[in-house]
């Protein structure tokens, strides 16, 4: 977690939301707050709540529930343990979601739902979920216009995370040397780095990329439909998924959104101003103006002309302190 936090900040991200981690992330969050280690301000959910156990995921990352009463209890336990928001994953019933949202809202916390299928999105909307996360990640066929219009008209925040398969995979095929980024080797103990490199062997055979062909064909229409509908969009990543490094995930996501039809100005605003609004800290963050925290980055070029200039972060300042220069 400490390595990831350092890499996120180096990539120019000064505030981040972590949606699914064991609660020992609180130690990392507090060390960042005290200025002991580099990292973004962290908003955390703790373990997500679901009825479906995800293969290969340790227990500390998820709460697998079997009733609305248990869903409510887990939401309450997460908040009491230090969660800033609640995350839901797949398989929940209408009653489960209603209980989670009610418990979270009573305690002043937002609910973020990981959604893909149209029926899951409608379920989240009906339950009063605050933020729709992933929303298909541009992998799926396009949603019907009525659903997209409903999301847009209600200004329900959408965070798509489109780059982690569809843009990262071809980038790696075209330039496999990116997997040996020297920054990764410098940041990691030798055994961590060796395991990371071992995991890249035959990366194109990973089940994670089994459907990359059809996902790529879907991407242009599915990913662009929320942009065309002028939906209320933030920018987030699926950093730490295969081939998707914390050091560069944000600029890749922003570049992908430009490919899908957002202007460079729009995507920068979505990642800063709108992002601060979504996490509920627009009074302190998201824009450069008097009275707000001095979160600034310096990049080697003009991202309004070329969004890929965000790859070249020369300095990250968080709260008036230059962490990287």
Protein backbone atom coordinates (compact mmCIF):
# COMPACT_ATOMS: atom_id res chain seq x y z
CA UNK A 1 0.00 0.00 0.00
CA UNK A 2 2.86 2.38 0.80
CA UNK A 3 4.44 1.72 -2.61
CA UNK A 4 1.11 2.24 -4.38
CA UNK A 5 0.46 5.50 -2.52
CA UNK A 6 3.88 6.81 -3.50
CA UNK A 7 3.34 5.90 -7.15
CA UNK A 8 -0.12 7.49 -7.27
CA UNK A 9 1.22 10.78 -5.94
CA UNK A 10 4.16 10.69 -8.33
CA UNK A 11 1.66 10.26 -11.15
CA UNK A 12 0.10 13.61 -10.22
CA UNK A 13 -2.90 12.40 -8.20
CA UNK A 14 -3.23 14.27 -4.90
CA UNK A 15 -6.55 12.79 -3.69
CA UNK A 16 -7.71 9.23 -4.33
CA UNK A 17 -10.62 6.96 -3.48
CA UNK A 18 -9.80 3.32 -2.65
CA UNK A 19 -12.83 1.08 -3.15
CA UNK A 20 -12.01 -2.28 -1.65
CA UNK A 21 -9.11 -2.92 0.69
CA UNK A 22 -8.57 -4.56 4.09
CA UNK A 23 -8.79 -2.09 6.92
CA UNK A 24 -5.07 -2.01 7.56
CA UNK A 25 -5.13 0.66 4.83
CA UNK A 26 -6.11 2.99 7.68
CA UNK A 27 -2.51 2.89 8.90
CA UNK A 28 -1.35 4.04 5.47
CA UNK A 29 -4.03 6.74 5.34
CA UNK A 30 -2.99 8.09 8.74
CA UNK A 31 0.73 8.03 7.93
CA UNK A 32 0.01 10.04 4.77
CA UNK A 33 -2.06 12.52 6.78
CA UNK A 34 0.80 12.99 9.26
CA UNK A 35 3.26 13.59 6.42
CA UNK A 36 5.37 10.53 7.27
CA UNK A 37 5.12 8.95 3.80
CA UNK A 38 4.25 10.29 0.34
CA UNK A 39 0.78 9.60 -0.99
CA UNK A 40 -2.56 11.13 -1.95
CA UNK A 41 -5.25 12.02 0.56
CA UNK A 42 -7.16 8.77 0.83
CA UNK A 43 -10.89 8.26 0.92
CA UNK A 44 -11.49 4.59 1.71
CA UNK A 45 -14.35 2.11 1.68
CA UNK A 46 -12.77 -0.86 3.37
CA UNK A 47 -14.10 -4.25 2.17
CA UNK A 48 -16.87 -4.11 -0.41
CA UNK A 49 -20.27 -5.70 0.29
CA UNK A 50 -21.56 -8.46 -2.00
CA UNK A 51 -23.42 -11.76 -2.14
CA UNK A 52 -20.91 -13.24 -4.60
CA UNK A 53 -17.50 -14.42 -3.41
CA UNK A 54 -14.87 -13.35 -5.94
CA UNK A 55 -12.45 -16.17 -6.71
CA UNK A 56 -8.93 -15.55 -5.49
CA UNK A 57 -9.78 -12.52 -3.35
CA UNK A 58 -8.73 -12.80 0.32
CA UNK A 59 -11.48 -12.41 2.89
CA UNK A 60 -10.26 -9.01 4.06
CA UNK A 61 -11.24 -7.40 0.76
CA UNK A 62 -14.93 -8.26 0.79
CA UNK A 63 -17.93 -8.94 3.02
CA UNK A 64 -20.06 -11.72 1.55
CA UNK A 65 -23.55 -11.29 3.01
CA UNK A 66 -26.74 -13.39 2.86
CA UNK A 67 -29.50 -11.04 4.04
CA UNK A 68 -30.49 -7.36 4.08
CA UNK A 69 -29.96 -7.31 7.86
CA UNK A 70 -26.39 -8.53 7.38
CA UNK A 71 -25.86 -5.99 4.59
CA UNK A 72 -26.92 -3.19 6.94
CA UNK A 73 -24.72 -4.53 9.72
CA UNK A 74 -21.66 -4.74 7.46
CA UNK A 75 -22.20 -1.18 6.24
CA UNK A 76 -22.42 0.00 9.85
CA UNK A 77 -19.32 -2.00 10.84
CA UNK A 78 -17.31 -0.55 7.95
CA UNK A 79 -18.22 3.00 8.93
CA UNK A 80 -17.42 2.38 12.58
CA UNK A 81 -14.07 0.86 11.54
CA UNK A 82 -13.13 4.05 9.67
CA UNK A 83 -14.64 3.84 6.18
CA UNK A 84 -15.28 7.18 4.48
CA UNK A 85 -17.65 5.65 1.91
CA UNK A 86 -19.32 2.29 1.27
CA UNK A 87 -18.75 0.17 -1.83
CA UNK A 88 -21.16 -2.46 -3.12
CA UNK A 89 -20.34 -5.20 -5.60
CA UNK A 90 -22.47 -7.60 -7.60
CA UNK A 91 -25.23 -9.98 -6.54
CA UNK A 92 -27.08 -7.83 -4.04
CA UNK A 93 -30.88 -7.79 -3.89
CA UNK A 94 -33.00 -4.65 -3.95
CA UNK A 95 -33.52 -5.05 -0.22
CA UNK A 96 -29.77 -5.44 0.41
CA UNK A 97 -28.98 -2.22 -1.45
CA UNK A 98 -31.80 -0.30 0.20
CA UNK A 99 -30.52 -1.33 3.63
CA UNK A 100 -26.93 -0.36 2.80
CA UNK A 101 -27.89 3.03 1.36
CA UNK A 102 -30.19 3.79 4.28
CA UNK A 103 -27.52 2.91 6.86
CA UNK A 104 -24.79 4.85 5.05
CA UNK A 105 -26.90 7.96 4.50
CA UNK A 106 -28.03 8.00 8.13
CA UNK A 107 -24.34 8.24 9.02
CA UNK A 108 -23.49 10.84 6.38
CA UNK A 109 -21.63 8.49 4.05
CA UNK A 110 -21.96 8.01 0.28
CA UNK A 111 -22.43 4.65 -1.43
CA UNK A 112 -20.44 3.74 -4.53
CA UNK A 113 -21.74 0.78 -6.57
CA UNK A 114 -19.66 -1.35 -8.93
CA UNK A 115 -22.10 -1.97 -11.79
CA UNK A 116 -22.02 -3.56 -15.24
CA UNK A 117 -25.39 -5.03 -16.26
CA UNK A 118 -28.28 -2.67 -17.09
CA UNK A 119 -30.50 -4.23 -14.43
CA UNK A 120 -27.78 -3.67 -11.80
CA UNK A 121 -27.51 0.00 -12.80
CA UNK A 122 -31.28 0.50 -12.52
CA UNK A 123 -31.24 -1.31 -9.18
CA UNK A 124 -28.54 1.06 -7.88
CA UNK A 125 -30.43 4.11 -9.12
CA UNK A 126 -33.67 2.96 -7.48
CA UNK A 127 -31.85 2.36 -4.20
CA UNK A 128 -30.41 5.89 -4.17
CA UNK A 129 -26.76 4.96 -4.69
CA UNK A 130 -24.57 8.07 -4.89
CA UNK A 131 -21.88 7.10 -7.43
CA UNK A 132 -21.90 4.55 -10.27
CA UNK A 133 -18.45 2.99 -10.60
CA UNK A 134 -17.05 1.22 -13.70
CA UNK A 135 -20.47 1.30 -15.48
CA UNK A 136 -19.37 -1.43 -17.85
CA UNK A 137 -15.84 -0.05 -18.28
CA UNK A 138 -16.69 0.30 -22.00
CA UNK A 139 -16.47 -3.51 -22.30
CA UNK A 140 -20.18 -4.14 -22.74
CA UNK A 141 -22.60 -3.42 -25.59
CA UNK A 142 -24.00 0.11 -25.30
CA UNK A 143 -26.76 0.73 -22.77
CA UNK A 144 -30.20 1.74 -23.98
CA UNK A 145 -30.72 5.45 -24.50
CA UNK A 146 -33.41 5.70 -21.83
CA UNK A 147 -31.03 4.43 -19.16
CA UNK A 148 -28.19 6.73 -20.19
CA UNK A 149 -30.62 9.66 -20.39
CA UNK A 150 -31.94 8.91 -16.90
CA UNK A 151 -28.42 8.90 -15.46
CA UNK A 152 -27.60 12.12 -17.27
CA UNK A 153 -30.79 13.96 -16.29
CA UNK A 154 -30.46 12.99 -12.64
CA UNK A 155 -26.76 13.97 -12.69
CA UNK A 156 -25.75 10.72 -11.03
CA UNK A 157 -21.93 10.66 -10.99
CA UNK A 158 -20.42 8.16 -13.43
CA UNK A 159 -16.81 6.95 -13.17
CA UNK A 160 -16.19 4.61 -16.11
CA UNK A 161 -12.59 3.27 -15.79
CA UNK A 162 -12.27 2.45 -19.48
CA UNK A 163 -8.50 2.13 -19.98
CA UNK A 164 -7.54 -0.85 -17.85
CA UNK A 165 -8.11 -3.50 -20.49
CA UNK A 166 -8.96 -1.88 -23.77
CA UNK A 167 -6.19 0.74 -23.87
CA UNK A 168 -3.56 -0.86 -21.64
CA UNK A 169 -3.49 -4.21 -23.46
CA UNK A 170 -2.60 -2.87 -26.94
CA UNK A 171 -0.16 -0.40 -25.37
CA UNK A 172 1.66 -3.37 -23.88
CA UNK A 173 1.56 -5.44 -27.06
CA UNK A 174 2.98 -2.50 -29.02
CA UNK A 175 5.61 -1.61 -26.42
CA UNK A 176 6.26 -4.54 -24.03
CA UNK A 177 9.28 -2.80 -22.54
CA UNK A 178 6.86 -0.64 -20.53
CA UNK A 179 6.62 -3.63 -18.17
CA UNK A 180 10.22 -3.03 -17.13
CA UNK A 181 9.67 0.58 -16.08
CA UNK A 182 12.76 1.40 -13.94
CA UNK A 183 10.58 3.36 -11.51
CA UNK A 184 8.88 0.12 -10.53
CA UNK A 185 12.19 -1.57 -9.85
CA UNK A 186 13.41 1.36 -7.74
CA UNK A 187 10.24 1.39 -5.66
CA UNK A 188 9.97 -2.32 -4.91
CA UNK A 189 11.96 -4.81 -2.83
CA UNK A 190 13.76 -7.30 -5.09
CA UNK A 191 11.35 -10.16 -4.36
CA UNK A 192 8.30 -7.96 -5.10
CA UNK A 193 9.77 -6.87 -8.40
CA UNK A 194 10.73 -10.44 -9.39
CA UNK A 195 7.18 -11.63 -8.70
CA UNK A 196 5.76 -8.71 -10.67
CA UNK A 197 7.90 -9.60 -13.67
CA UNK A 198 7.00 -13.29 -13.35
CA UNK A 199 3.31 -12.35 -13.51
CA UNK A 200 3.85 -10.77 -16.94
CA UNK A 201 4.93 -14.01 -18.60
CA UNK A 202 2.52 -14.71 -21.45
CA UNK A 203 0.34 -11.82 -20.28
CA UNK A 204 -1.77 -12.15 -23.43
CA UNK A 205 -2.96 -15.53 -22.13
CA UNK A 206 -4.34 -14.15 -18.87
CA UNK A 207 -8.05 -14.84 -18.47
CA UNK A 208 -8.39 -11.13 -17.70
CA UNK A 209 -7.87 -10.45 -21.42
CA UNK A 210 -9.89 -13.37 -22.83
CA UNK A 211 -12.52 -11.09 -24.37
CA UNK A 212 -10.24 -8.26 -25.47
CA UNK A 213 -11.44 -8.53 -29.09
CA UNK A 214 -15.14 -8.01 -28.48
CA UNK A 215 -14.42 -5.52 -25.69
CA UNK A 216 -12.36 -3.41 -28.07
CA UNK A 217 -15.16 -3.47 -30.64
CA UNK A 218 -17.65 -2.35 -28.00
CA UNK A 219 -15.43 0.37 -26.55
CA UNK A 220 -16.03 3.25 -28.95
CA UNK A 221 -19.81 3.17 -28.69
CA UNK A 222 -20.19 1.99 -25.09
CA UNK A 223 -17.53 4.28 -23.67
CA UNK A 224 -18.58 7.31 -25.64
CA UNK A 225 -22.30 7.21 -24.94
CA UNK A 226 -22.04 8.89 -21.53
CA UNK A 227 -19.93 11.64 -23.07
CA UNK A 228 -22.49 12.16 -25.85
CA UNK A 229 -25.27 12.34 -23.25
CA UNK A 230 -23.39 14.96 -21.22
CA UNK A 231 -23.46 12.75 -18.15
CA UNK A 232 -21.96 13.99 -14.89
CA UNK A 233 -18.58 12.27 -15.19
CA UNK A 234 -15.60 11.93 -12.91
CA UNK A 235 -12.36 10.16 -13.75
CA UNK A 236 -11.10 7.06 -11.98
CA UNK A 237 -8.90 4.08 -12.76
CA UNK A 238 -8.63 0.39 -12.12
CA UNK A 239 -4.97 0.82 -11.19
CA UNK A 240 -3.26 -2.37 -9.97
CA UNK A 241 -5.25 -4.54 -12.36
CA UNK A 242 -3.01 -6.50 -14.77
CA UNK A 243 -0.56 -4.29 -16.70
CA UNK A 244 -2.11 -1.11 -15.23
CA UNK A 245 0.43 0.64 -13.01
CA UNK A 246 -0.33 3.30 -10.41
CA UNK A 247 2.45 5.44 -11.91
CA UNK A 248 0.54 6.01 -15.16
CA UNK A 249 -3.05 4.77 -14.77
CA UNK A 250 -4.54 8.26 -14.45
CA UNK A 251 -3.07 9.77 -17.59
CA UNK A 252 -3.97 6.64 -19.56
CA UNK A 253 -7.58 6.92 -18.38
CA UNK A 254 -7.74 10.59 -19.26
CA UNK A 255 -6.19 9.95 -22.68
CA UNK A 256 -8.73 7.18 -23.31
CA UNK A 257 -11.61 9.55 -22.52
CA UNK A 258 -10.21 12.05 -25.01
CA UNK A 259 -10.09 9.25 -27.58
CA UNK A 260 -13.77 8.61 -26.84
CA UNK A 261 -14.82 12.20 -27.48
CA UNK A 262 -14.17 14.41 -24.46
CA UNK A 263 -12.16 17.55 -25.03
CA UNK A 264 -8.90 17.89 -23.14
CA UNK A 265 -10.41 20.73 -21.11
CA UNK A 266 -13.45 18.60 -20.22
CA UNK A 267 -11.43 15.62 -19.08
CA UNK A 268 -9.09 17.73 -16.94
CA UNK A 269 -12.12 19.38 -15.32
CA UNK A 270 -13.74 15.97 -14.76
CA UNK A 271 -10.59 14.68 -13.05
CA UNK A 272 -10.20 17.71 -10.79
CA UNK A 273 -13.27 19.89 -10.19
CA UNK A 274 -15.86 17.15 -10.69
CA UNK A 275 -13.76 14.61 -8.81
CA UNK A 276 -13.67 16.87 -5.77
CA UNK A 277 -17.44 17.33 -5.99
CA UNK A 278 -18.03 13.58 -6.16
CA UNK A 279 -16.00 12.84 -3.04
CA UNK A 280 -17.60 15.78 -1.21
CA UNK A 281 -14.55 18.02 -0.84
CA UNK A 282 -15.19 20.73 -3.44
CA UNK A 283 -14.86 23.35 -0.71
CA UNK A 284 -11.16 22.46 -0.35
CA UNK A 285 -10.07 20.75 -3.56
CA UNK A 286 -10.50 20.54 -7.29
CA UNK A 287 -9.89 24.08 -8.48
CA UNK A 288 -7.09 26.62 -8.14
CA UNK A 289 -8.51 29.58 -6.22
CA UNK A 290 -7.97 31.46 -2.94
CA UNK A 291 -8.86 29.54 0.18
CA UNK A 292 -8.38 26.06 -1.26
CA UNK A 293 -5.54 23.64 -0.64
CA UNK A 294 -2.52 24.13 -2.88
CA UNK A 295 -2.66 20.91 -4.90
CA UNK A 296 -0.73 21.54 -8.10
CA UNK A 297 1.23 19.58 -10.68
CA UNK A 298 3.77 20.75 -13.23
CA UNK A 299 4.00 18.78 -16.48
CA UNK A 300 6.43 18.94 -19.40
CA UNK A 301 4.03 20.42 -21.93
CA UNK A 302 0.52 21.75 -22.41
CA UNK A 303 -2.13 19.05 -21.75
CA UNK A 304 -4.80 21.24 -23.37
CA UNK A 305 -2.93 20.70 -26.64
CA UNK A 306 -2.02 17.05 -25.96
CA UNK A 307 -3.53 15.17 -23.02
CA UNK A 308 -0.56 12.78 -23.09
CA UNK A 309 1.59 15.52 -21.58
CA UNK A 310 0.10 14.37 -18.27
CA UNK A 311 2.42 11.38 -18.55
CA UNK A 312 5.36 13.69 -17.85
CA UNK A 313 4.78 14.96 -14.32
CA UNK A 314 7.75 17.08 -13.22
CA UNK A 315 6.41 18.12 -9.83
CA UNK A 316 3.55 17.10 -7.56
CA UNK A 317 2.56 19.52 -4.81
CA UNK A 318 0.00 18.40 -2.24
CA UNK A 319 -1.26 20.93 0.27
CA UNK A 320 1.53 23.36 -0.56
CA UNK A 321 4.31 20.81 -0.10
CA UNK A 322 6.29 19.61 -3.12
CA UNK A 323 6.55 15.83 -2.71
CA UNK A 324 8.20 15.24 -6.07
CA UNK A 325 10.34 17.69 -8.00
